[in-house]
């Protein structure tokens, strides 16, 4: 059944990926209408999250953010499909890294990197970073249940010299690379709510005290990885800029949870600057006190 679903869906995905951008975004507008007005995908969750995180805004202002966030959500998932066939030249025009020299500095120092991002703007297109550096690029991800779509995702991202490692294999993978002195950059989005049995630290996020993921910091300290935040900004439809912000070059020298707290603060800054590009469909505030 998994293979049947895949062979039915794949031709449609491929056809969408080769559409000219103007038609491509017209289709995205149609998907937005379906998702927002017909299906109402997680609309209650989104509305509750925005109200909780941005209580100072009026209902009308929050509704504008809500609709814009769904527009962006549809664009981003369509852009994931576009990644199947987009050229490297086109991708480099649409996703620009403003201070790549920072990675060059760390490379010269022989520092492997923990690159953390939020579910904001386009974290998916961060994979283009690996074309511009000589690090081994690694993206930590949750393996898909359909093995054929899982392979498709891995094949797409391998175009940009990125190796996907499932969450269950992350620790042994990092340990091996460190032991063999393989300079690597490990990328993951880490602003979602942790599982109840993985709560080690609470932090105020958008004015609400919630549990936060501490995995990236714990791994960085365990394997002495420099920690960098990728601040992604949407500058136009289908165009993004990423600025690399150092959080800790030597994580073993700072108090526990300081790096995690700094990351959360950076995510808050992103949201306040343009809340419509945050991934509000996550049940980010389901655990709070």
C-alpha atoms as a PDB file:
ATOM      1  CA  UNK A   1       0.000   0.000   0.000  1.00  0.00           C
ATOM      2  CA  UNK A   2       2.859   2.408   0.810  1.00  0.00           C
ATOM      3  CA  UNK A   3       4.365   1.889  -2.626  1.00  0.00           C
ATOM      4  CA  UNK A   4       0.981   2.317  -4.319  1.00  0.00           C
ATOM      5  CA  UNK A   5       0.432   5.664  -2.577  1.00  0.00           C
ATOM      6  CA  UNK A   6       3.915   6.749  -3.567  1.00  0.00           C
ATOM      7  CA  UNK A   7       3.667   5.882  -7.282  1.00  0.00           C
ATOM      8  CA  UNK A   8       0.300   7.634  -7.492  1.00  0.00           C
ATOM      9  CA  UNK A   9       1.518  10.780  -5.729  1.00  0.00           C
ATOM     10  CA  UNK A  10       5.010  11.083  -7.202  1.00  0.00           C
ATOM     11  CA  UNK A  11       4.011  12.158 -10.774  1.00  0.00           C
ATOM     12  CA  UNK A  12       1.808  14.931  -9.336  1.00  0.00           C
ATOM     13  CA  UNK A  13       4.598  16.137  -7.045  1.00  0.00           C
ATOM     14  CA  UNK A  14       7.096  16.120  -9.904  1.00  0.00           C
ATOM     15  CA  UNK A  15       4.707  18.033 -12.192  1.00  0.00           C
ATOM     16  CA  UNK A  16       4.126  20.662  -9.505  1.00  0.00           C
ATOM     17  CA  UNK A  17       7.875  21.016  -8.997  1.00  0.00           C
ATOM     18  CA  UNK A  18       8.531  21.940 -12.654  1.00  0.00           C
ATOM     19  CA  UNK A  19       5.828  24.611 -12.893  1.00  0.00           C
ATOM     20  CA  UNK A  20       7.024  28.190 -13.571  1.00  0.00           C
ATOM     21  CA  UNK A  21       7.064  30.158 -10.342  1.00  0.00           C
ATOM     22  CA  UNK A  22       4.175  32.417 -11.310  1.00  0.00           C
ATOM     23  CA  UNK A  23       1.864  29.443 -11.944  1.00  0.00           C
ATOM     24  CA  UNK A  24       3.395  27.608  -8.991  1.00  0.00           C
ATOM     25  CA  UNK A  25       2.303  30.346  -6.579  1.00  0.00           C
ATOM     26  CA  UNK A  26      -1.132  30.584  -8.174  1.00  0.00           C
ATOM     27  CA  UNK A  27      -1.495  26.920  -7.269  1.00  0.00           C
ATOM     28  CA  UNK A  28      -0.285  27.701  -3.754  1.00  0.00           C
ATOM     29  CA  UNK A  29      -3.054  30.329  -3.479  1.00  0.00           C
ATOM     30  CA  UNK A  30      -5.551  27.622  -4.401  1.00  0.00           C
ATOM     31  CA  UNK A  31      -4.126  25.291  -1.772  1.00  0.00           C
ATOM     32  CA  UNK A  32      -4.429  28.114   0.783  1.00  0.00           C
ATOM     33  CA  UNK A  33      -8.128  28.562  -0.028  1.00  0.00           C
ATOM     34  CA  UNK A  34      -8.702  24.823   0.382  1.00  0.00           C
ATOM     35  CA  UNK A  35      -6.701  24.454   3.597  1.00  0.00           C
ATOM     36  CA  UNK A  36      -7.945  27.611   5.315  1.00  0.00           C
ATOM     37  CA  UNK A  37     -11.533  28.080   4.169  1.00  0.00           C
ATOM     38  CA  UNK A  38     -12.676  24.536   3.277  1.00  0.00           C
ATOM     39  CA  UNK A  39     -10.699  22.156   5.507  1.00  0.00           C
ATOM     40  CA  UNK A  40      -9.868  24.628   8.280  1.00  0.00           C
ATOM     41  CA  UNK A  41      -6.641  22.724   9.083  1.00  0.00           C
ATOM     42  CA  UNK A  42      -5.805  23.240  12.781  1.00  0.00           C
ATOM     43  CA  UNK A  43      -7.493  26.630  12.707  1.00  0.00           C
ATOM     44  CA  UNK A  44      -8.509  26.401  16.374  1.00  0.00           C
ATOM     45  CA  UNK A  45      -4.927  25.593  17.375  1.00  0.00           C
ATOM     46  CA  UNK A  46      -3.511  28.453  15.325  1.00  0.00           C
ATOM     47  CA  UNK A  47      -6.054  30.951  16.635  1.00  0.00           C
ATOM     48  CA  UNK A  48      -5.463  29.906  20.257  1.00  0.00           C
ATOM     49  CA  UNK A  49      -1.671  30.053  19.852  1.00  0.00           C
ATOM     50  CA  UNK A  50      -1.708  33.540  18.345  1.00  0.00           C
ATOM     51  CA  UNK A  51      -4.080  34.823  21.029  1.00  0.00           C
ATOM     52  CA  UNK A  52      -1.865  33.340  23.761  1.00  0.00           C
ATOM     53  CA  UNK A  53       1.415  34.630  22.325  1.00  0.00           C
ATOM     54  CA  UNK A  54       0.197  38.044  21.143  1.00  0.00           C
ATOM     55  CA  UNK A  55      -2.470  39.128  23.663  1.00  0.00           C
ATOM     56  CA  UNK A  56      -1.696  42.827  23.124  1.00  0.00           C
ATOM     57  CA  UNK A  57      -3.120  42.723  19.592  1.00  0.00           C
ATOM     58  CA  UNK A  58      -6.779  43.181  18.692  1.00  0.00           C
ATOM     59  CA  UNK A  59      -8.883  40.337  17.281  1.00  0.00           C
ATOM     60  CA  UNK A  60      -8.726  42.001  13.866  1.00  0.00           C
ATOM     61  CA  UNK A  61      -4.919  42.247  13.948  1.00  0.00           C
ATOM     62  CA  UNK A  62      -4.584  38.628  15.034  1.00  0.00           C
ATOM     63  CA  UNK A  63      -6.901  37.516  12.230  1.00  0.00           C
ATOM     64  CA  UNK A  64      -4.671  39.239   9.679  1.00  0.00           C
ATOM     65  CA  UNK A  65      -1.651  37.388  11.080  1.00  0.00           C
ATOM     66  CA  UNK A  66      -3.596  34.109  11.053  1.00  0.00           C
ATOM     67  CA  UNK A  67      -4.501  34.387   7.358  1.00  0.00           C
ATOM     68  CA  UNK A  68      -1.001  35.481   6.353  1.00  0.00           C
ATOM     69  CA  UNK A  69       0.485  32.577   8.316  1.00  0.00           C
ATOM     70  CA  UNK A  70      -1.641  30.092   6.365  1.00  0.00           C
ATOM     71  CA  UNK A  71      -0.580  31.708   3.096  1.00  0.00           C
ATOM     72  CA  UNK A  72       3.035  31.301   4.124  1.00  0.00           C
ATOM     73  CA  UNK A  73       2.468  27.754   5.396  1.00  0.00           C
ATOM     74  CA  UNK A  74       1.123  26.727   1.973  1.00  0.00           C
ATOM     75  CA  UNK A  75       3.956  28.501   0.153  1.00  0.00           C
ATOM     76  CA  UNK A  76       6.561  26.767   2.288  1.00  0.00           C
ATOM     77  CA  UNK A  77       5.231  23.264   1.764  1.00  0.00           C
ATOM     78  CA  UNK A  78       4.883  23.941  -1.950  1.00  0.00           C
ATOM     79  CA  UNK A  79       8.495  25.131  -1.949  1.00  0.00           C
ATOM     80  CA  UNK A  80       9.506  21.834  -0.383  1.00  0.00           C
ATOM     81  CA  UNK A  81       8.046  20.154  -3.467  1.00  0.00           C
ATOM     82  CA  UNK A  82       9.833  22.659  -5.710  1.00  0.00           C
ATOM     83  CA  UNK A  83      13.110  21.501  -4.202  1.00  0.00           C
ATOM     84  CA  UNK A  84      12.761  18.261  -6.197  1.00  0.00           C
ATOM     85  CA  UNK A  85      13.760  19.918  -9.466  1.00  0.00           C
ATOM     86  CA  UNK A  86      14.916  23.479  -8.738  1.00  0.00           C
ATOM     87  CA  UNK A  87      18.426  24.230 -10.000  1.00  0.00           C
ATOM     88  CA  UNK A  88      21.252  25.139  -7.640  1.00  0.00           C
ATOM     89  CA  UNK A  89      21.585  28.505  -9.375  1.00  0.00           C
ATOM     90  CA  UNK A  90      17.922  29.340  -8.810  1.00  0.00           C
ATOM     91  CA  UNK A  91      18.056  28.144  -5.216  1.00  0.00           C
ATOM     92  CA  UNK A  92      21.087  30.310  -4.464  1.00  0.00           C
ATOM     93  CA  UNK A  93      19.200  33.352  -5.759  1.00  0.00           C
ATOM     94  CA  UNK A  94      16.221  32.599  -3.566  1.00  0.00           C
ATOM     95  CA  UNK A  95      17.999  31.659  -0.348  1.00  0.00           C
ATOM     96  CA  UNK A  96      20.917  33.911   0.586  1.00  0.00           C
ATOM     97  CA  UNK A  97      23.199  33.550   3.610  1.00  0.00           C
ATOM     98  CA  UNK A  98      24.331  37.008   4.643  1.00  0.00           C
ATOM     99  CA  UNK A  99      27.442  36.177   6.725  1.00  0.00           C
ATOM    100  CA  UNK A 100      28.869  32.923   5.425  1.00  0.00           C
ATOM    101  CA  UNK A 101      32.333  34.045   6.532  1.00  0.00           C
ATOM    102  CA  UNK A 102      31.414  32.978  10.076  1.00  0.00           C
ATOM    103  CA  UNK A 103      31.386  29.344   8.985  1.00  0.00           C
ATOM    104  CA  UNK A 104      34.761  29.810   7.304  1.00  0.00           C
ATOM    105  CA  UNK A 105      36.188  31.090  10.611  1.00  0.00           C
ATOM    106  CA  UNK A 106      34.929  28.073  12.529  1.00  0.00           C
ATOM    107  CA  UNK A 107      36.185  25.770   9.812  1.00  0.00           C
ATOM    108  CA  UNK A 108      39.681  27.211  10.123  1.00  0.00           C
ATOM    109  CA  UNK A 109      39.517  26.633  13.881  1.00  0.00           C
ATOM    110  CA  UNK A 110      38.486  23.005  13.333  1.00  0.00           C
ATOM    111  CA  UNK A 111      35.147  23.483  15.102  1.00  0.00           C
ATOM    112  CA  UNK A 112      32.148  21.290  14.299  1.00  0.00           C
ATOM    113  CA  UNK A 113      28.823  23.112  14.612  1.00  0.00           C
ATOM    114  CA  UNK A 114      25.374  22.581  16.065  1.00  0.00           C
ATOM    115  CA  UNK A 115      23.156  24.756  13.843  1.00  0.00           C
ATOM    116  CA  UNK A 116      19.735  25.330  15.380  1.00  0.00           C
ATOM    117  CA  UNK A 117      16.757  27.021  13.784  1.00  0.00           C
ATOM    118  CA  UNK A 118      13.106  27.645  14.555  1.00  0.00           C
ATOM    119  CA  UNK A 119      10.028  26.684  12.584  1.00  0.00           C
ATOM    120  CA  UNK A 120       9.996  30.093  10.977  1.00  0.00           C
ATOM    121  CA  UNK A 121      10.132  31.347   7.370  1.00  0.00           C
ATOM    122  CA  UNK A 122      11.983  28.545   5.521  1.00  0.00           C
ATOM    123  CA  UNK A 123      14.086  26.264   7.679  1.00  0.00           C
ATOM    124  CA  UNK A 124      13.926  23.652   4.908  1.00  0.00           C
ATOM    125  CA  UNK A 125      16.011  25.675   2.438  1.00  0.00           C
ATOM    126  CA  UNK A 126      18.842  25.972   4.951  1.00  0.00           C
ATOM    127  CA  UNK A 127      20.186  22.856   3.229  1.00  0.00           C
ATOM    128  CA  UNK A 128      21.699  25.163   0.583  1.00  0.00           C
ATOM    129  CA  UNK A 129      24.346  26.106   3.157  1.00  0.00           C
ATOM    130  CA  UNK A 130      26.100  22.812   2.481  1.00  0.00           C
ATOM    131  CA  UNK A 131      26.939  23.841  -1.081  1.00  0.00           C
ATOM    132  CA  UNK A 132      29.055  26.703   0.194  1.00  0.00           C
ATOM    133  CA  UNK A 133      31.145  25.043   2.905  1.00  0.00           C
ATOM    134  CA  UNK A 134      33.321  21.959   3.149  1.00  0.00           C
ATOM    135  CA  UNK A 135      31.698  20.627   6.325  1.00  0.00           C
ATOM    136  CA  UNK A 136      29.814  17.338   6.322  1.00  0.00           C
ATOM    137  CA  UNK A 137      26.227  18.601   6.371  1.00  0.00           C
ATOM    138  CA  UNK A 138      23.834  16.638   8.572  1.00  0.00           C
ATOM    139  CA  UNK A 139      20.131  17.283   9.111  1.00  0.00           C
ATOM    140  CA  UNK A 140      18.459  15.621  12.084  1.00  0.00           C
ATOM    141  CA  UNK A 141      14.917  14.583  11.185  1.00  0.00           C
ATOM    142  CA  UNK A 142      12.039  12.367  12.219  1.00  0.00           C
ATOM    143  CA  UNK A 143      11.845   9.390   9.895  1.00  0.00           C
ATOM    144  CA  UNK A 144       8.652   9.137   7.804  1.00  0.00           C
ATOM    145  CA  UNK A 145       6.450   6.074   8.208  1.00  0.00           C
ATOM    146  CA  UNK A 146       6.212   5.631   4.423  1.00  0.00           C
ATOM    147  CA  UNK A 147       9.670   4.352   3.459  1.00  0.00           C
ATOM    148  CA  UNK A 148       9.293   5.480  -0.166  1.00  0.00           C
ATOM    149  CA  UNK A 149       8.517   9.088   0.737  1.00  0.00           C
ATOM    150  CA  UNK A 150      11.258   8.893   3.357  1.00  0.00           C
ATOM    151  CA  UNK A 151      13.742   7.943   0.634  1.00  0.00           C
ATOM    152  CA  UNK A 152      12.409  10.743  -1.601  1.00  0.00           C
ATOM    153  CA  UNK A 153      13.075  13.318   1.131  1.00  0.00           C
ATOM    154  CA  UNK A 154      16.585  11.959   1.654  1.00  0.00           C
ATOM    155  CA  UNK A 155      17.286  12.008  -2.095  1.00  0.00           C
ATOM    156  CA  UNK A 156      16.067  15.602  -2.437  1.00  0.00           C
ATOM    157  CA  UNK A 157      18.257  16.868   0.372  1.00  0.00           C
ATOM    158  CA  UNK A 158      21.297  14.885  -0.738  1.00  0.00           C
ATOM    159  CA  UNK A 159      21.390  17.172  -3.802  1.00  0.00           C
ATOM    160  CA  UNK A 160      22.837  19.784  -1.473  1.00  0.00           C
ATOM    161  CA  UNK A 161      25.374  17.489   0.190  1.00  0.00           C
ATOM    162  CA  UNK A 162      23.157  16.953   3.206  1.00  0.00           C
ATOM    163  CA  UNK A 163      22.914  13.617   4.967  1.00  0.00           C
ATOM    164  CA  UNK A 164      19.717  12.960   6.886  1.00  0.00           C
ATOM    165  CA  UNK A 165      20.067  11.230  10.238  1.00  0.00           C
ATOM    166  CA  UNK A 166      17.028  10.108  12.207  1.00  0.00           C
ATOM    167  CA  UNK A 167      16.679  11.303  15.785  1.00  0.00           C
ATOM    168  CA  UNK A 168      17.322   7.805  17.146  1.00  0.00           C
ATOM    169  CA  UNK A 169      20.710   7.627  15.395  1.00  0.00           C
ATOM    170  CA  UNK A 170      21.930  11.146  16.107  1.00  0.00           C
ATOM    171  CA  UNK A 171      24.108  10.449  19.150  1.00  0.00           C
ATOM    172  CA  UNK A 172      26.116   7.543  17.690  1.00  0.00           C
ATOM    173  CA  UNK A 173      26.494   9.468  14.422  1.00  0.00           C
ATOM    174  CA  UNK A 174      27.956  12.537  16.157  1.00  0.00           C
ATOM    175  CA  UNK A 175      30.163  10.360  18.355  1.00  0.00           C
ATOM    176  CA  UNK A 176      31.624   8.606  15.311  1.00  0.00           C
ATOM    177  CA  UNK A 177      32.318  11.860  13.478  1.00  0.00           C
ATOM    178  CA  UNK A 178      34.004  13.377  16.514  1.00  0.00           C
ATOM    179  CA  UNK A 179      36.115  10.276  17.015  1.00  0.00           C
ATOM    180  CA  UNK A 180      37.196  10.336  13.347  1.00  0.00           C
ATOM    181  CA  UNK A 181      37.717  14.147  13.379  1.00  0.00           C
ATOM    182  CA  UNK A 182      35.162  14.727  10.613  1.00  0.00           C
ATOM    183  CA  UNK A 183      34.200  18.416  10.621  1.00  0.00           C
ATOM    184  CA  UNK A 184      30.414  18.437  10.557  1.00  0.00           C
ATOM    185  CA  UNK A 185      27.497  20.794  10.857  1.00  0.00           C
ATOM    186  CA  UNK A 186      24.389  19.339  12.501  1.00  0.00           C
ATOM    187  CA  UNK A 187      21.157  21.188  11.717  1.00  0.00           C
ATOM    188  CA  UNK A 188      17.826  20.861  13.467  1.00  0.00           C
ATOM    189  CA  UNK A 189      14.751  22.920  14.285  1.00  0.00           C
ATOM    190  CA  UNK A 190      14.285  22.876  18.042  1.00  0.00           C
ATOM    191  CA  UNK A 191      11.453  25.167  19.127  1.00  0.00           C
ATOM    192  CA  UNK A 192       8.627  22.634  19.358  1.00  0.00           C
ATOM    193  CA  UNK A 193       7.299  21.311  22.664  1.00  0.00           C
ATOM    194  CA  UNK A 194       9.275  18.350  24.094  1.00  0.00           C
ATOM    195  CA  UNK A 195       7.634  15.111  25.141  1.00  0.00           C
ATOM    196  CA  UNK A 196       6.468  14.985  28.749  1.00  0.00           C
ATOM    197  CA  UNK A 197       9.219  12.521  29.740  1.00  0.00           C
ATOM    198  CA  UNK A 198      11.898  14.749  28.161  1.00  0.00           C
ATOM    199  CA  UNK A 199      11.225  17.910  30.141  1.00  0.00           C
ATOM    200  CA  UNK A 200      14.368  19.190  31.865  1.00  0.00           C
ATOM    201  CA  UNK A 201      13.983  22.962  31.683  1.00  0.00           C
ATOM    202  CA  UNK A 202      11.214  25.557  31.663  1.00  0.00           C
ATOM    203  CA  UNK A 203      11.498  28.982  30.063  1.00  0.00           C
ATOM    204  CA  UNK A 204       9.209  31.937  29.380  1.00  0.00           C
ATOM    205  CA  UNK A 205       8.391  31.890  25.671  1.00  0.00           C
ATOM    206  CA  UNK A 206       6.225  34.711  24.333  1.00  0.00           C
ATOM    207  CA  UNK A 207       5.222  35.499  27.912  1.00  0.00           C
ATOM    208  CA  UNK A 208       4.180  31.940  28.773  1.00  0.00           C
ATOM    209  CA  UNK A 209       6.309  29.553  30.846  1.00  0.00           C
ATOM    210  CA  UNK A 210       6.734  26.322  28.879  1.00  0.00           C
ATOM    211  CA  UNK A 211       9.114  23.349  28.725  1.00  0.00           C
ATOM    212  CA  UNK A 212      11.792  23.734  26.063  1.00  0.00           C
ATOM    213  CA  UNK A 213      14.002  21.340  24.147  1.00  0.00           C
ATOM    214  CA  UNK A 214      17.458  21.076  25.680  1.00  0.00           C
ATOM    215  CA  UNK A 215      18.771  18.344  23.367  1.00  0.00           C
ATOM    216  CA  UNK A 216      20.871  20.616  21.100  1.00  0.00           C
ATOM    217  CA  UNK A 217      22.630  22.203  24.076  1.00  0.00           C
ATOM    218  CA  UNK A 218      23.221  18.848  25.776  1.00  0.00           C
ATOM    219  CA  UNK A 219      24.717  17.396  22.589  1.00  0.00           C
ATOM    220  CA  UNK A 220      26.823  20.513  22.018  1.00  0.00           C
ATOM    221  CA  UNK A 221      28.265  20.254  25.524  1.00  0.00           C
ATOM    222  CA  UNK A 222      28.800  16.518  25.328  1.00  0.00           C
ATOM    223  CA  UNK A 223      30.717  16.699  22.043  1.00  0.00           C
ATOM    224  CA  UNK A 224      32.081  20.263  22.289  1.00  0.00           C
ATOM    225  CA  UNK A 225      30.177  21.652  19.306  1.00  0.00           C
ATOM    226  CA  UNK A 226      30.003  25.376  18.581  1.00  0.00           C
ATOM    227  CA  UNK A 227      26.348  26.488  18.662  1.00  0.00           C
ATOM    228  CA  UNK A 228      24.967  28.825  15.997  1.00  0.00           C
ATOM    229  CA  UNK A 229      21.425  30.084  15.471  1.00  0.00           C
ATOM    230  CA  UNK A 230      20.166  30.427  11.898  1.00  0.00           C
ATOM    231  CA  UNK A 231      17.902  33.457  11.787  1.00  0.00           C
ATOM    232  CA  UNK A 232      15.863  33.157   8.591  1.00  0.00           C
ATOM    233  CA  UNK A 233      13.968  36.137   7.210  1.00  0.00           C
ATOM    234  CA  UNK A 234      11.405  36.136   4.400  1.00  0.00           C
ATOM    235  CA  UNK A 235      12.208  39.058   2.114  1.00  0.00           C
ATOM    236  CA  UNK A 236       9.674  38.296  -0.629  1.00  0.00           C
ATOM    237  CA  UNK A 237       7.511  35.497  -1.898  1.00  0.00           C
ATOM    238  CA  UNK A 238       9.918  32.628  -2.498  1.00  0.00           C
ATOM    239  CA  UNK A 239      12.929  34.648  -1.301  1.00  0.00           C
ATOM    240  CA  UNK A 240      14.736  34.318   2.025  1.00  0.00           C
ATOM    241  CA  UNK A 241      17.835  35.517   3.851  1.00  0.00           C
ATOM    242  CA  UNK A 242      19.593  33.694   6.654  1.00  0.00           C
ATOM    243  CA  UNK A 243      21.906  35.354   9.164  1.00  0.00           C
ATOM    244  CA  UNK A 244      24.099  33.137  11.347  1.00  0.00           C
ATOM    245  CA  UNK A 245      24.152  34.228  14.999  1.00  0.00           C
ATOM    246  CA  UNK A 246      26.747  32.676  17.366  1.00  0.00           C
ATOM    247  CA  UNK A 247      25.232  31.439  20.628  1.00  0.00           C
ATOM    248  CA  UNK A 248      28.313  29.780  22.120  1.00  0.00           C
ATOM    249  CA  UNK A 249      31.673  28.926  20.578  1.00  0.00           C
ATOM    250  CA  UNK A 250      32.734  26.811  23.553  1.00  0.00           C
ATOM    251  CA  UNK A 251      29.530  25.473  25.151  1.00  0.00           C
ATOM    252  CA  UNK A 252      31.298  23.543  27.913  1.00  0.00           C
ATOM    253  CA  UNK A 253      32.332  26.868  29.479  1.00  0.00           C
ATOM    254  CA  UNK A 254      28.815  28.261  30.036  1.00  0.00           C
ATOM    255  CA  UNK A 255      26.177  27.389  32.674  1.00  0.00           C
ATOM    256  CA  UNK A 256      23.527  24.791  31.880  1.00  0.00           C
ATOM    257  CA  UNK A 257      20.527  26.029  29.876  1.00  0.00           C
ATOM    258  CA  UNK A 258      22.144  29.392  29.048  1.00  0.00           C
ATOM    259  CA  UNK A 259      22.430  28.396  25.370  1.00  0.00           C
ATOM    260  CA  UNK A 260      18.858  27.106  25.290  1.00  0.00           C
ATOM    261  CA  UNK A 261      17.576  30.341  26.821  1.00  0.00           C
ATOM    262  CA  UNK A 262      19.524  32.415  24.283  1.00  0.00           C
ATOM    263  CA  UNK A 263      17.988  30.371  21.465  1.00  0.00           C
ATOM    264  CA  UNK A 264      14.448  30.924  22.761  1.00  0.00           C
ATOM    265  CA  UNK A 265      15.103  34.663  22.986  1.00  0.00           C
ATOM    266  CA  UNK A 266      16.215  34.728  19.351  1.00  0.00           C
ATOM    267  CA  UNK A 267      13.058  32.887  18.291  1.00  0.00           C
ATOM    268  CA  UNK A 268      10.958  35.436  20.166  1.00  0.00           C
ATOM    269  CA  UNK A 269      12.693  38.254  18.279  1.00  0.00           C
ATOM    270  CA  UNK A 270      11.803  36.585  14.977  1.00  0.00           C
ATOM    271  CA  UNK A 271       8.163  36.247  15.931  1.00  0.00           C
ATOM    272  CA  UNK A 272       7.842  39.845  17.115  1.00  0.00           C
ATOM    273  CA  UNK A 273       9.419  41.125  13.879  1.00  0.00           C
ATOM    274  CA  UNK A 274       6.968  39.289  11.600  1.00  0.00           C
ATOM    275  CA  UNK A 275       4.657  36.824  13.389  1.00  0.00           C
ATOM    276  CA  UNK A 276       2.946  35.733  10.169  1.00  0.00           C
ATOM    277  CA  UNK A 277       5.951  33.592   9.213  1.00  0.00           C
ATOM    278  CA  UNK A 278       5.936  31.432  12.340  1.00  0.00           C
ATOM    279  CA  UNK A 279       4.642  27.862  12.244  1.00  0.00           C
ATOM    280  CA  UNK A 280       1.605  28.426  14.455  1.00  0.00           C
ATOM    281  CA  UNK A 281       0.076  25.005  13.761  1.00  0.00           C
ATOM    282  CA  UNK A 282       2.436  23.383  16.284  1.00  0.00           C
ATOM    283  CA  UNK A 283       0.867  22.759  19.692  1.00  0.00           C
ATOM    284  CA  UNK A 284       3.751  24.708  21.135  1.00  0.00           C
ATOM    285  CA  UNK A 285       2.020  25.778  24.350  1.00  0.00           C
ATOM    286  CA  UNK A 286       0.194  22.531  25.209  1.00  0.00           C
ATOM    287  CA  UNK A 287       2.307  22.200  28.403  1.00  0.00           C
ATOM    288  CA  UNK A 288       2.491  25.413  30.379  1.00  0.00           C
ATOM    289  CA  UNK A 289       2.438  26.684  33.913  1.00  0.00           C
END
